Amino acid sequence: MQNVVLSTRNIDDLINDVANKVVEKIELWKIKPQPEHPTETDRWFNLTELCQYHPDKPTKPTVYGWVNAGTIPVHKGGKKLRFLKSEIDAWLKQGRKKTLAETAAEADAYLNNHKKKGGKL
């Protein structure tokens, strides 16, 4: 038995409607977000890769010392240490030494704020 569809619509209108729906679906498919691929900043380092990436090229015992002291961001998976590149980059940037002008501006802001409150120096 064949499926038969009875319609009072003009065949050209029906074809145009179907074609428009197909085009809509294709456009939606094109803009559908694709699965995210990890970016370079989300790369994971093992201990050896971290030692090579770090600008000072520390030894493994040095990095173990940082991990033990809690100064470096680290993720532990079982017995393995893993380091996320974006976190390491942020950690390295925190170590930037302030310029003399920045230190002077902070001191002036502190003194001005302290004087406004009527406190002693």
PDB file of N, CA and C in Angstrom:
ATOM      1  N   MET A   1       0.829  -1.177   0.000  1.00  0.00           N
ATOM      2  CA  MET A   1       0.000   0.000   0.000  1.00  0.00           C
ATOM      3  C   MET A   1       0.876   1.243   0.000  1.00  0.00           C
ATOM      4  N   GLN A   2       0.554   2.198  -0.815  1.00  0.00           N
ATOM      5  CA  GLN A   2       1.325   3.438  -0.929  1.00  0.00           C
ATOM      6  C   GLN A   2       0.711   4.515  -0.048  1.00  0.00           C
ATOM      7  N   ASN A   3       1.616   5.403   0.464  1.00  0.00           N
ATOM      8  CA  ASN A   3       1.131   6.564   1.220  1.00  0.00           C
ATOM      9  C   ASN A   3       0.688   7.622   0.231  1.00  0.00           C
ATOM     10  N   VAL A   4      -0.519   8.106   0.383  1.00  0.00           N
ATOM     11  CA  VAL A   4      -1.057   9.130  -0.502  1.00  0.00           C
ATOM     12  C   VAL A   4      -1.425  10.327   0.352  1.00  0.00           C
ATOM     13  N   VAL A   5      -0.966  11.508  -0.076  1.00  0.00           N
ATOM     14  CA  VAL A   5      -1.287  12.739   0.625  1.00  0.00           C
ATOM     15  C   VAL A   5      -2.181  13.565  -0.280  1.00  0.00           C
ATOM     16  N   LEU A   6      -3.314  13.921   0.244  1.00  0.00           N
ATOM     17  CA  LEU A   6      -4.240  14.768  -0.499  1.00  0.00           C
ATOM     18  C   LEU A   6      -4.124  16.175   0.043  1.00  0.00           C
ATOM     19  N   SER A   7      -3.990  17.140  -0.839  1.00  0.00           N
ATOM     20  CA  SER A   7      -3.859  18.518  -0.425  1.00  0.00           C
ATOM     21  C   SER A   7      -4.542  19.411  -1.443  1.00  0.00           C
ATOM     22  N   THR A   8      -5.048  20.523  -0.954  1.00  0.00           N
ATOM     23  CA  THR A   8      -5.673  21.495  -1.844  1.00  0.00           C
ATOM     24  C   THR A   8      -4.683  22.582  -2.215  1.00  0.00           C
ATOM     25  N   ARG A   9      -3.442  22.437  -1.767  1.00  0.00           N
ATOM     26  CA  ARG A   9      -2.431  23.463  -2.054  1.00  0.00           C
ATOM     27  C   ARG A   9      -1.877  23.300  -3.455  1.00  0.00           C
ATOM     28  N   ASN A  10      -1.414  24.379  -3.981  1.00  0.00           N
ATOM     29  CA  ASN A  10      -0.740  24.396  -5.265  1.00  0.00           C
ATOM     30  C   ASN A  10       0.601  23.677  -5.093  1.00  0.00           C
ATOM     31  N   ILE A  11       0.965  22.853  -6.017  1.00  0.00           N
ATOM     32  CA  ILE A  11       2.199  22.068  -5.915  1.00  0.00           C
ATOM     33  C   ILE A  11       3.443  22.956  -5.834  1.00  0.00           C
ATOM     34  N   ASP A  12       3.445  24.086  -6.545  1.00  0.00           N
ATOM     35  CA  ASP A  12       4.593  24.993  -6.512  1.00  0.00           C
ATOM     36  C   ASP A  12       4.776  25.607  -5.117  1.00  0.00           C
ATOM     37  N   ASP A  13       3.647  25.962  -4.468  1.00  0.00           N
ATOM     38  CA  ASP A  13       3.731  26.503  -3.109  1.00  0.00           C
ATOM     39  C   ASP A  13       4.268  25.454  -2.135  1.00  0.00           C
ATOM     40  N   LEU A  14       3.822  24.243  -2.291  1.00  0.00           N
ATOM     41  CA  LEU A  14       4.275  23.149  -1.441  1.00  0.00           C
ATOM     42  C   LEU A  14       5.774  22.919  -1.605  1.00  0.00           C
ATOM     43  N   ILE A  15       6.250  22.919  -2.829  1.00  0.00           N
ATOM     44  CA  ILE A  15       7.685  22.726  -3.106  1.00  0.00           C
ATOM     45  C   ILE A  15       8.497  23.870  -2.503  1.00  0.00           C
ATOM     46  N   ASN A  16       8.016  25.109  -2.645  1.00  0.00           N
ATOM     47  CA  ASN A  16       8.722  26.267  -2.076  1.00  0.00           C
ATOM     48  C   ASN A  16       8.783  26.176  -0.557  1.00  0.00           C
ATOM     49  N   ASP A  17       7.663  25.773   0.077  1.00  0.00           N
ATOM     50  CA  ASP A  17       7.662  25.649   1.539  1.00  0.00           C
ATOM     51  C   ASP A  17       8.654  24.587   2.012  1.00  0.00           C
ATOM     52  N   VAL A  18       8.673  23.458   1.333  1.00  0.00           N
ATOM     53  CA  VAL A  18       9.615  22.395   1.695  1.00  0.00           C
ATOM     54  C   VAL A  18      11.050  22.861   1.496  1.00  0.00           C
ATOM     55  N   ALA A  19      11.318  23.529   0.383  1.00  0.00           N
ATOM     56  CA  ALA A  19      12.671  24.030   0.101  1.00  0.00           C
ATOM     57  C   ALA A  19      13.100  25.037   1.164  1.00  0.00           C
ATOM     58  N   ASN A  20      12.191  25.933   1.567  1.00  0.00           N
ATOM     59  CA  ASN A  20      12.523  26.924   2.595  1.00  0.00           C
ATOM     60  C   ASN A  20      12.843  26.254   3.932  1.00  0.00           C
ATOM     61  N   LYS A  21      12.085  25.234   4.293  1.00  0.00           N
ATOM     62  CA  LYS A  21      12.351  24.508   5.540  1.00  0.00           C
ATOM     63  C   LYS A  21      13.713  23.817   5.495  1.00  0.00           C
ATOM     64  N   VAL A  22      14.054  23.251   4.350  1.00  0.00           N
ATOM     65  CA  VAL A  22      15.357  22.602   4.198  1.00  0.00           C
ATOM     66  C   VAL A  22      16.472  23.627   4.357  1.00  0.00           C
ATOM     67  N   VAL A  23      16.317  24.795   3.732  1.00  0.00           N
ATOM     68  CA  VAL A  23      17.335  25.849   3.830  1.00  0.00           C
ATOM     69  C   VAL A  23      17.467  26.313   5.292  1.00  0.00           C
ATOM     70  N   GLU A  24      16.348  26.473   6.005  1.00  0.00           N
ATOM     71  CA  GLU A  24      16.392  26.867   7.416  1.00  0.00           C
ATOM     72  C   GLU A  24      17.179  25.853   8.245  1.00  0.00           C
ATOM     73  N   LYS A  25      16.919  24.585   8.021  1.00  0.00           N
ATOM     74  CA  LYS A  25      17.617  23.539   8.771  1.00  0.00           C
ATOM     75  C   LYS A  25      19.110  23.553   8.469  1.00  0.00           C
ATOM     76  N   ILE A  26      19.450  23.775   7.219  1.00  0.00           N
ATOM     77  CA  ILE A  26      20.874  23.833   6.840  1.00  0.00           C
ATOM     78  C   ILE A  26      21.545  25.018   7.521  1.00  0.00           C
ATOM     79  N   GLU A  27      20.889  26.179   7.532  1.00  0.00           N
ATOM     80  CA  GLU A  27      21.463  27.363   8.173  1.00  0.00           C
ATOM     81  C   GLU A  27      21.640  27.134   9.672  1.00  0.00           C
ATOM     82  N   LEU A  28      20.662  26.521  10.310  1.00  0.00           N
ATOM     83  CA  LEU A  28      20.789  26.210  11.736  1.00  0.00           C
ATOM     84  C   LEU A  28      21.939  25.249  11.985  1.00  0.00           C
ATOM     85  N   TRP A  29      22.111  24.299  11.113  1.00  0.00           N
ATOM     86  CA  TRP A  29      23.196  23.339  11.253  1.00  0.00           C
ATOM     87  C   TRP A  29      24.553  24.022  11.115  1.00  0.00           C
ATOM     88  N   LYS A  30      24.635  25.007  10.208  1.00  0.00           N
ATOM     89  CA  LYS A  30      25.908  25.715   9.994  1.00  0.00           C
ATOM     90  C   LYS A  30      26.328  26.494  11.229  1.00  0.00           C
ATOM     91  N   ILE A  31      25.365  27.119  11.931  1.00  0.00           N
ATOM     92  CA  ILE A  31      25.737  27.956  13.072  1.00  0.00           C
ATOM     93  C   ILE A  31      25.720  27.191  14.390  1.00  0.00           C
ATOM     94  N   LYS A  32      25.376  25.924  14.332  1.00  0.00           N
ATOM     95  CA  LYS A  32      25.372  25.112  15.542  1.00  0.00           C
ATOM     96  C   LYS A  32      26.787  25.058  16.113  1.00  0.00           C
ATOM     97  N   PRO A  33      26.946  25.339  17.415  1.00  0.00           N
ATOM     98  CA  PRO A  33      28.294  25.333  17.975  1.00  0.00           C
ATOM     99  C   PRO A  33      28.953  23.963  17.850  1.00  0.00           C
ATOM    100  N   GLN A  34      30.176  23.988  17.418  1.00  0.00           N
ATOM    101  CA  GLN A  34      30.949  22.759  17.291  1.00  0.00           C
ATOM    102  C   GLN A  34      31.569  22.431  18.644  1.00  0.00           C
ATOM    103  N   PRO A  35      31.870  21.165  18.890  1.00  0.00           N
ATOM    104  CA  PRO A  35      32.511  20.820  20.160  1.00  0.00           C
ATOM    105  C   PRO A  35      33.811  21.601  20.321  1.00  0.00           C
ATOM    106  N   GLU A  36      34.029  22.072  21.528  1.00  0.00           N
ATOM    107  CA  GLU A  36      35.228  22.874  21.776  1.00  0.00           C
ATOM    108  C   GLU A  36      36.472  21.999  21.785  1.00  0.00           C
ATOM    109  N   HIS A  37      37.500  22.529  21.153  1.00  0.00           N
ATOM    110  CA  HIS A  37      38.802  21.875  21.194  1.00  0.00           C
ATOM    111  C   HIS A  37      39.655  22.667  22.167  1.00  0.00           C
ATOM    112  N   PRO A  38      40.437  22.017  22.981  1.00  0.00           N
ATOM    113  CA  PRO A  38      41.259  22.760  23.927  1.00  0.00           C
ATOM    114  C   PRO A  38      42.184  23.727  23.209  1.00  0.00           C
ATOM    115  N   THR A  39      42.272  24.925  23.734  1.00  0.00           N
ATOM    116  CA  THR A  39      43.180  25.907  23.155  1.00  0.00           C
ATOM    117  C   THR A  39      44.577  25.684  23.717  1.00  0.00           C
ATOM    118  N   GLU A  40      45.519  26.396  23.164  1.00  0.00           N
ATOM    119  CA  GLU A  40      46.902  26.248  23.616  1.00  0.00           C
ATOM    120  C   GLU A  40      47.041  26.643  25.085  1.00  0.00           C
ATOM    121  N   THR A  41      46.210  27.604  25.547  1.00  0.00           N
ATOM    122  CA  THR A  41      46.326  28.026  26.949  1.00  0.00           C
ATOM    123  C   THR A  41      45.775  26.974  27.896  1.00  0.00           C
ATOM    124  N   ASP A  42      44.984  26.034  27.399  1.00  0.00           N
ATOM    125  CA  ASP A  42      44.425  24.992  28.252  1.00  0.00           C
ATOM    126  C   ASP A  42      45.254  23.711  28.216  1.00  0.00           C
ATOM    127  N   ARG A  43      46.438  23.799  27.719  1.00  0.00           N
ATOM    128  CA  ARG A  43      47.288  22.615  27.597  1.00  0.00           C
ATOM    129  C   ARG A  43      47.768  22.166  28.976  1.00  0.00           C
ATOM    130  N   TRP A  44      47.841  20.859  29.154  1.00  0.00           N
ATOM    131  CA  TRP A  44      48.338  20.291  30.405  1.00  0.00           C
ATOM    132  C   TRP A  44      49.813  19.959  30.266  1.00  0.00           C
ATOM    133  N   PHE A  45      50.590  20.287  31.294  1.00  0.00           N
ATOM    134  CA  PHE A  45      52.004  19.941  31.353  1.00  0.00           C
ATOM    135  C   PHE A  45      52.212  18.859  32.399  1.00  0.00           C
ATOM    136  N   ASN A  46      53.111  17.936  32.108  1.00  0.00           N
ATOM    137  CA  ASN A  46      53.587  17.056  33.172  1.00  0.00           C
ATOM    138  C   ASN A  46      54.802  17.752  33.795  1.00  0.00           C
ATOM    139  N   LEU A  47      55.432  17.116  34.746  1.00  0.00           N
ATOM    140  CA  LEU A  47      56.539  17.756  35.459  1.00  0.00           C
ATOM    141  C   LEU A  47      57.699  18.116  34.533  1.00  0.00           C
ATOM    142  N   THR A  48      58.053  17.216  33.649  1.00  0.00           N
ATOM    143  CA  THR A  48      59.167  17.466  32.723  1.00  0.00           C
ATOM    144  C   THR A  48      58.844  18.621  31.778  1.00  0.00           C
ATOM    145  N   GLU A  49      57.621  18.630  31.248  1.00  0.00           N
ATOM    146  CA  GLU A  49      57.224  19.707  30.324  1.00  0.00           C
ATOM    147  C   GLU A  49      57.196  21.058  31.033  1.00  0.00           C
ATOM    148  N   LEU A  50      56.762  21.063  32.290  1.00  0.00           N
ATOM    149  CA  LEU A  50      56.757  22.311  33.046  1.00  0.00           C
ATOM    150  C   LEU A  50      58.174  22.838  33.222  1.00  0.00           C
ATOM    151  N   CYS A  51      59.094  21.948  33.566  1.00  0.00           N
ATOM    152  CA  CYS A  51      60.489  22.363  33.746  1.00  0.00           C
ATOM    153  C   CYS A  51      61.054  22.968  32.464  1.00  0.00           C
ATOM    154  N   GLN A  52      60.667  22.429  31.322  1.00  0.00           N
ATOM    155  CA  GLN A  52      61.136  22.961  30.041  1.00  0.00           C
ATOM    156  C   GLN A  52      60.446  24.270  29.696  1.00  0.00           C
ATOM    157  N   TYR A  53      59.161  24.421  30.070  1.00  0.00           N
ATOM    158  CA  TYR A  53      58.383  25.612  29.724  1.00  0.00           C
ATOM    159  C   TYR A  53      58.746  26.815  30.595  1.00  0.00           C
ATOM    160  N   HIS A  54      58.983  26.571  31.863  1.00  0.00           N
ATOM    161  CA  HIS A  54      59.271  27.663  32.807  1.00  0.00           C
ATOM    162  C   HIS A  54      60.504  28.433  32.344  1.00  0.00           C
ATOM    163  N   PRO A  55      60.450  29.780  32.380  1.00  0.00           N
ATOM    164  CA  PRO A  55      61.590  30.578  31.890  1.00  0.00           C
ATOM    165  C   PRO A  55      62.900  30.300  32.617  1.00  0.00           C
ATOM    166  N   ASP A  56      62.847  29.932  33.903  1.00  0.00           N
ATOM    167  CA  ASP A  56      64.073  29.681  34.668  1.00  0.00           C
ATOM    168  C   ASP A  56      64.592  28.261  34.522  1.00  0.00           C
ATOM    169  N   LYS A  57      63.846  27.402  33.832  1.00  0.00           N
ATOM    170  CA  LYS A  57      64.221  25.992  33.638  1.00  0.00           C
ATOM    171  C   LYS A  57      64.594  25.335  34.971  1.00  0.00           C
ATOM    172  N   PRO A  58      63.641  25.319  35.934  1.00  0.00           N
ATOM    173  CA  PRO A  58      63.953  24.733  37.241  1.00  0.00           C
ATOM    174  C   PRO A  58      64.132  23.226  37.148  1.00  0.00           C
ATOM    175  N   THR A  59      64.806  22.670  38.131  1.00  0.00           N
ATOM    176  CA  THR A  59      64.953  21.213  38.198  1.00  0.00           C
ATOM    177  C   THR A  59      63.686  20.625  38.817  1.00  0.00           C
ATOM    178  N   LYS A  60      63.538  19.321  38.672  1.00  0.00           N
ATOM    179  CA  LYS A  60      62.367  18.648  39.236  1.00  0.00           C
ATOM    180  C   LYS A  60      62.297  18.807  40.757  1.00  0.00           C
ATOM    181  N   PRO A  61      63.411  18.655  41.482  1.00  0.00           N
ATOM    182  CA  PRO A  61      63.334  18.856  42.933  1.00  0.00           C
ATOM    183  C   PRO A  61      62.866  20.268  43.319  1.00  0.00           C
ATOM    184  N   THR A  62      63.247  21.269  42.523  1.00  0.00           N
ATOM    185  CA  THR A  62      62.801  22.638  42.794  1.00  0.00           C
ATOM    186  C   THR A  62      61.287  22.740  42.661  1.00  0.00           C
ATOM    187  N   VAL A  63      60.737  22.141  41.590  1.00  0.00           N
ATOM    188  CA  VAL A  63      59.292  22.177  41.380  1.00  0.00           C
ATOM    189  C   VAL A  63      58.583  21.402  42.490  1.00  0.00           C
ATOM    190  N   TYR A  64      59.140  20.263  42.891  1.00  0.00           N
ATOM    191  CA  TYR A  64      58.555  19.515  44.010  1.00  0.00           C
ATOM    192  C   TYR A  64      58.514  20.385  45.270  1.00  0.00           C
ATOM    193  N   GLY A  65      59.541  21.189  45.465  1.00  0.00           N
ATOM    194  CA  GLY A  65      59.568  22.098  46.614  1.00  0.00           C
ATOM    195  C   GLY A  65      58.455  23.135  46.526  1.00  0.00           C
ATOM    196  N   TRP A  66      58.239  23.692  45.322  1.00  0.00           N
ATOM    197  CA  TRP A  66      57.149  24.663  45.121  1.00  0.00           C
ATOM    198  C   TRP A  66      55.792  24.014  45.394  1.00  0.00           C
ATOM    199  N   VAL A  67      55.632  22.766  44.924  1.00  0.00           N
ATOM    200  CA  VAL A  67      54.371  22.047  45.136  1.00  0.00           C
ATOM    201  C   VAL A  67      54.158  21.827  46.631  1.00  0.00           C
ATOM    202  N   ASN A  68      55.200  21.393  47.324  1.00  0.00           N
ATOM    203  CA  ASN A  68      55.109  21.127  48.758  1.00  0.00           C
ATOM    204  C   ASN A  68      54.786  22.398  49.535  1.00  0.00           C
ATOM    205  N   ALA A  69      55.359  23.528  49.108  1.00  0.00           N
ATOM    206  CA  ALA A  69      55.120  24.802  49.783  1.00  0.00           C
ATOM    207  C   ALA A  69      53.773  25.415  49.375  1.00  0.00           C
ATOM    208  N   GLY A  70      53.164  24.885  48.320  1.00  0.00           N
ATOM    209  CA  GLY A  70      51.882  25.411  47.858  1.00  0.00           C
ATOM    210  C   GLY A  70      51.998  26.714  47.100  1.00  0.00           C
ATOM    211  N   THR A  71      53.152  26.980  46.521  1.00  0.00           N
ATOM    212  CA  THR A  71      53.329  28.244  45.808  1.00  0.00           C
ATOM    213  C   THR A  71      52.986  28.157  44.334  1.00  0.00           C
ATOM    214  N   ILE A  72      52.931  26.980  43.760  1.00  0.00           N
ATOM    215  CA  ILE A  72      52.661  26.815  42.336  1.00  0.00           C
ATOM    216  C   ILE A  72      51.303  26.120  42.170  1.00  0.00           C
ATOM    217  N   PRO A  73      50.476  26.569  41.201  1.00  0.00           N
ATOM    218  CA  PRO A  73      49.198  25.886  40.990  1.00  0.00           C
ATOM    219  C   PRO A  73      49.419  24.501  40.390  1.00  0.00           C
ATOM    220  N   VAL A  74      48.842  23.493  41.015  1.00  0.00           N
ATOM    221  CA  VAL A  74      49.079  22.111  40.591  1.00  0.00           C
ATOM    222  C   VAL A  74      47.795  21.319  40.731  1.00  0.00           C
ATOM    223  N   HIS A  75      47.652  20.309  39.901  1.00  0.00           N
ATOM    224  CA  HIS A  75      46.553  19.352  39.991  1.00  0.00           C
ATOM    225  C   HIS A  75      47.180  17.982  40.145  1.00  0.00           C
ATOM    226  N   LYS A  76      46.666  17.201  41.076  1.00  0.00           N
ATOM    227  CA  LYS A  76      47.218  15.869  41.296  1.00  0.00           C
ATOM    228  C   LYS A  76      46.241  14.839  40.772  1.00  0.00           C
ATOM    229  N   GLY A  77      46.752  13.925  39.975  1.00  0.00           N
ATOM    230  CA  GLY A  77      45.971  12.802  39.486  1.00  0.00           C
ATOM    231  C   GLY A  77      46.664  11.535  39.933  1.00  0.00           C
ATOM    232  N   GLY A  78      46.201  10.973  41.007  1.00  0.00           N
ATOM    233  CA  GLY A  78      46.915   9.827  41.563  1.00  0.00           C
ATOM    234  C   GLY A  78      48.244  10.310  42.109  1.00  0.00           C
ATOM    235  N   LYS A  79      49.319   9.740  41.606  1.00  0.00           N
ATOM    236  CA  LYS A  79      50.653  10.164  42.038  1.00  0.00           C
ATOM    237  C   LYS A  79      51.278  11.162  41.073  1.00  0.00           C
ATOM    238  N   LYS A  80      50.588  11.460  39.973  1.00  0.00           N
ATOM    239  CA  LYS A  80      51.162  12.357  38.962  1.00  0.00           C
ATOM    240  C   LYS A  80      50.765  13.800  39.211  1.00  0.00           C
ATOM    241  N   LEU A  81      51.696  14.690  38.943  1.00  0.00           N
ATOM    242  CA  LEU A  81      51.433  16.115  39.033  1.00  0.00           C
ATOM    243  C   LEU A  81      51.114  16.626  37.636  1.00  0.00           C
ATOM    244  N   ARG A  82      50.090  17.458  37.559  1.00  0.00           N
ATOM    245  CA  ARG A  82      49.708  18.056  36.280  1.00  0.00           C
ATOM    246  C   ARG A  82      49.585  19.559  36.481  1.00  0.00           C
ATOM    247  N   PHE A  83      50.020  20.294  35.474  1.00  0.00           N
ATOM    248  CA  PHE A  83      50.016  21.747  35.551  1.00  0.00           C
ATOM    249  C   PHE A  83      49.276  22.287  34.330  1.00  0.00           C
ATOM    250  N   LEU A  84      48.325  23.203  34.558  1.00  0.00           N
ATOM    251  CA  LEU A  84      47.563  23.802  33.470  1.00  0.00           C
ATOM    252  C   LEU A  84      48.298  25.050  32.997  1.00  0.00           C
ATOM    253  N   LYS A  85      48.564  25.120  31.701  1.00  0.00           N
ATOM    254  CA  LYS A  85      49.377  26.204  31.145  1.00  0.00           C
ATOM    255  C   LYS A  85      48.824  27.576  31.499  1.00  0.00           C
ATOM    256  N   SER A  86      47.509  27.762  31.394  1.00  0.00           N
ATOM    257  CA  SER A  86      46.923  29.075  31.695  1.00  0.00           C
ATOM    258  C   SER A  86      47.168  29.463  33.152  1.00  0.00           C
ATOM    259  N   GLU A  87      47.095  28.494  34.060  1.00  0.00           N
ATOM    260  CA  GLU A  87      47.353  28.781  35.475  1.00  0.00           C
ATOM    261  C   GLU A  87      48.827  29.084  35.724  1.00  0.00           C
ATOM    262  N   ILE A  88      49.698  28.389  35.031  1.00  0.00           N
ATOM    263  CA  ILE A  88      51.138  28.647  35.175  1.00  0.00           C
ATOM    264  C   ILE A  88      51.470  30.036  34.647  1.00  0.00           C
ATOM    265  N   ASP A  89      50.879  30.404  33.512  1.00  0.00           N
ATOM    266  CA  ASP A  89      51.123  31.742  32.954  1.00  0.00           C
ATOM    267  C   ASP A  89      50.669  32.825  33.927  1.00  0.00           C
ATOM    268  N   ALA A  90      49.485  32.653  34.510  1.00  0.00           N
ATOM    269  CA  ALA A  90      48.982  33.634  35.483  1.00  0.00           C
ATOM    270  C   ALA A  90      49.889  33.685  36.711  1.00  0.00           C
ATOM    271  N   TRP A  91      50.339  32.528  37.162  1.00  0.00           N
ATOM    272  CA  TRP A  91      51.232  32.459  38.316  1.00  0.00           C
ATOM    273  C   TRP A  91      52.553  33.173  38.030  1.00  0.00           C
ATOM    274  N   LEU A  92      53.085  32.984  36.838  1.00  0.00           N
ATOM    275  CA  LEU A  92      54.337  33.646  36.462  1.00  0.00           C
ATOM    276  C   LEU A  92      54.158  35.161  36.407  1.00  0.00           C
ATOM    277  N   LYS A  93      52.998  35.611  35.935  1.00  0.00           N
ATOM    278  CA  LYS A  93      52.750  37.051  35.839  1.00  0.00           C
ATOM    279  C   LYS A  93      52.607  37.693  37.216  1.00  0.00           C
ATOM    280  N   GLN A  94      52.155  36.928  38.202  1.00  0.00           N
ATOM    281  CA  GLN A  94      52.024  37.465  39.558  1.00  0.00           C
ATOM    282  C   GLN A  94      53.380  37.840  40.139  1.00  0.00           C
ATOM    283  N   GLY A  95      54.414  37.215  39.678  1.00  0.00           N
ATOM    284  CA  GLY A  95      55.742  37.461  40.215  1.00  0.00           C
ATOM    285  C   GLY A  95      56.410  38.707  39.667  1.00  0.00           C
ATOM    286  N   ARG A  96      55.673  39.457  38.836  1.00  0.00           N
ATOM    287  CA  ARG A  96      56.252  40.661  38.243  1.00  0.00           C
ATOM    288  C   ARG A  96      56.543  41.683  39.334  1.00  0.00           C
ATOM    289  N   LYS A  97      57.735  42.228  39.290  1.00  0.00           N
ATOM    290  CA  LYS A  97      58.131  43.223  40.278  1.00  0.00           C
ATOM    291  C   LYS A  97      57.552  44.577  39.873  1.00  0.00           C
ATOM    292  N   LYS A  98      57.030  45.301  40.855  1.00  0.00           N
ATOM    293  CA  LYS A  98      56.443  46.614  40.575  1.00  0.00           C
ATOM    294  C   LYS A  98      57.545  47.613  40.267  1.00  0.00           C
ATOM    295  N   THR A  99      57.188  48.592  39.413  1.00  0.00           N
ATOM    296  CA  THR A  99      58.138  49.645  39.104  1.00  0.00           C
ATOM    297  C   THR A  99      58.205  50.609  40.281  1.00  0.00           C
ATOM    298  N   LEU A 100      59.209  51.434  40.292  1.00  0.00           N
ATOM    299  CA  LEU A 100      59.365  52.422  41.350  1.00  0.00           C
ATOM    300  C   LEU A 100      58.169  53.369  41.359  1.00  0.00           C
ATOM    301  N   ALA A 101      57.677  53.730  40.176  1.00  0.00           N
ATOM    302  CA  ALA A 101      56.526  54.633  40.079  1.00  0.00           C
ATOM    303  C   ALA A 101      55.269  53.980  40.661  1.00  0.00           C
ATOM    304  N   GLU A 102      55.075  52.680  40.390  1.00  0.00           N
ATOM    305  CA  GLU A 102      53.909  51.978  40.935  1.00  0.00           C
ATOM    306  C   GLU A 102      53.979  51.898  42.454  1.00  0.00           C
ATOM    307  N   THR A 103      55.154  51.619  42.979  1.00  0.00           N
ATOM    308  CA  THR A 103      55.327  51.539  44.427  1.00  0.00           C
ATOM    309  C   THR A 103      55.081  52.898  45.068  1.00  0.00           C
ATOM    310  N   ALA A 104      55.589  53.965  44.456  1.00  0.00           N
ATOM    311  CA  ALA A 104      55.391  55.316  44.983  1.00  0.00           C
ATOM    312  C   ALA A 104      53.911  55.700  44.945  1.00  0.00           C
ATOM    313  N   ALA A 105      53.217  55.354  43.872  1.00  0.00           N
ATOM    314  CA  ALA A 105      51.791  55.664  43.764  1.00  0.00           C
ATOM    315  C   ALA A 105      50.992  54.924  44.830  1.00  0.00           C
ATOM    316  N   GLU A 106      51.319  53.665  45.093  1.00  0.00           N
ATOM    317  CA  GLU A 106      50.640  52.908  46.144  1.00  0.00           C
ATOM    318  C   GLU A 106      50.900  53.524  47.518  1.00  0.00           C
ATOM    319  N   ALA A 107      52.142  53.955  47.749  1.00  0.00           N
ATOM    320  CA  ALA A 107      52.476  54.569  49.037  1.00  0.00           C
ATOM    321  C   ALA A 107      51.713  55.883  49.212  1.00  0.00           C
ATOM    322  N   ASP A 108      51.657  56.695  48.168  1.00  0.00           N
ATOM    323  CA  ASP A 108      50.915  57.959  48.237  1.00  0.00           C
ATOM    324  C   ASP A 108      49.432  57.707  48.488  1.00  0.00           C
ATOM    325  N   ALA A 109      48.865  56.728  47.803  1.00  0.00           N
ATOM    326  CA  ALA A 109      47.440  56.414  47.990  1.00  0.00           C
ATOM    327  C   ALA A 109      47.189  55.951  49.416  1.00  0.00           C
ATOM    328  N   TYR A 110      48.072  55.148  49.965  1.00  0.00           N
ATOM    329  CA  TYR A 110      47.925  54.674  51.337  1.00  0.00           C
ATOM    330  C   TYR A 110      47.996  55.847  52.316  1.00  0.00           C
ATOM    331  N   LEU A 111      48.986  56.702  52.132  1.00  0.00           N
ATOM    332  CA  LEU A 111      49.151  57.845  53.042  1.00  0.00           C
ATOM    333  C   LEU A 111      47.952  58.785  52.960  1.00  0.00           C
ATOM    334  N   ASN A 112      47.477  59.081  51.752  1.00  0.00           N
ATOM    335  CA  ASN A 112      46.327  59.974  51.593  1.00  0.00           C
ATOM    336  C   ASN A 112      45.083  59.375  52.235  1.00  0.00           C
ATOM    337  N   ASN A 113      44.873  58.090  52.043  1.00  0.00           N
ATOM    338  CA  ASN A 113      43.715  57.410  52.612  1.00  0.00           C
ATOM    339  C   ASN A 113      43.811  57.389  54.139  1.00  0.00           C
ATOM    340  N   HIS A 114      45.005  57.162  54.640  1.00  0.00           N
ATOM    341  CA  HIS A 114      45.211  57.081  56.090  1.00  0.00           C
ATOM    342  C   HIS A 114      45.013  58.449  56.744  1.00  0.00           C
ATOM    343  N   LYS A 115      45.470  59.524  56.076  1.00  0.00           N
ATOM    344  CA  LYS A 115      45.318  60.874  56.624  1.00  0.00           C
ATOM    345  C   LYS A 115      43.849  61.277  56.662  1.00  0.00           C
ATOM    346  N   LYS A 116      43.078  60.870  55.639  1.00  0.00           N
ATOM    347  CA  LYS A 116      41.650  61.222  55.595  1.00  0.00           C
ATOM    348  C   LYS A 116      40.888  60.601  56.752  1.00  0.00           C
ATOM    349  N   LYS A 117      41.332  59.443  57.195  1.00  0.00           N
ATOM    350  CA  LYS A 117      40.666  58.755  58.299  1.00  0.00           C
ATOM    351  C   LYS A 117      41.123  59.289  59.651  1.00  0.00           C
ATOM    352  N   GLY A 118      42.133  60.170  59.649  1.00  0.00           N
ATOM    353  CA  GLY A 118      42.606  60.747  60.889  1.00  0.00           C
ATOM    354  C   GLY A 118      43.511  59.848  61.696  1.00  0.00           C
ATOM    355  N   GLY A 119      44.066  58.868  61.057  1.00  0.00           N
ATOM    356  CA  GLY A 119      44.926  57.926  61.758  1.00  0.00           C
ATOM    357  C   GLY A 119      46.335  58.424  61.895  1.00  0.00           C
ATOM    358  N   LYS A 120      47.069  57.780  62.762  1.00  0.00           N
ATOM    359  CA  LYS A 120      48.485  58.108  62.939  1.00  0.00           C
ATOM    360  C   LYS A 120      49.305  57.300  61.963  1.00  0.00           C
ATOM    361  N   LEU A 121      50.427  57.840  61.605  1.00  0.00           N
ATOM    362  CA  LEU A 121      51.337  57.137  60.696  1.00  0.00           C
ATOM    363  C   LEU A 121      52.362  56.354  61.447  1.00  0.00           C
TER     364      LEU A 121
END
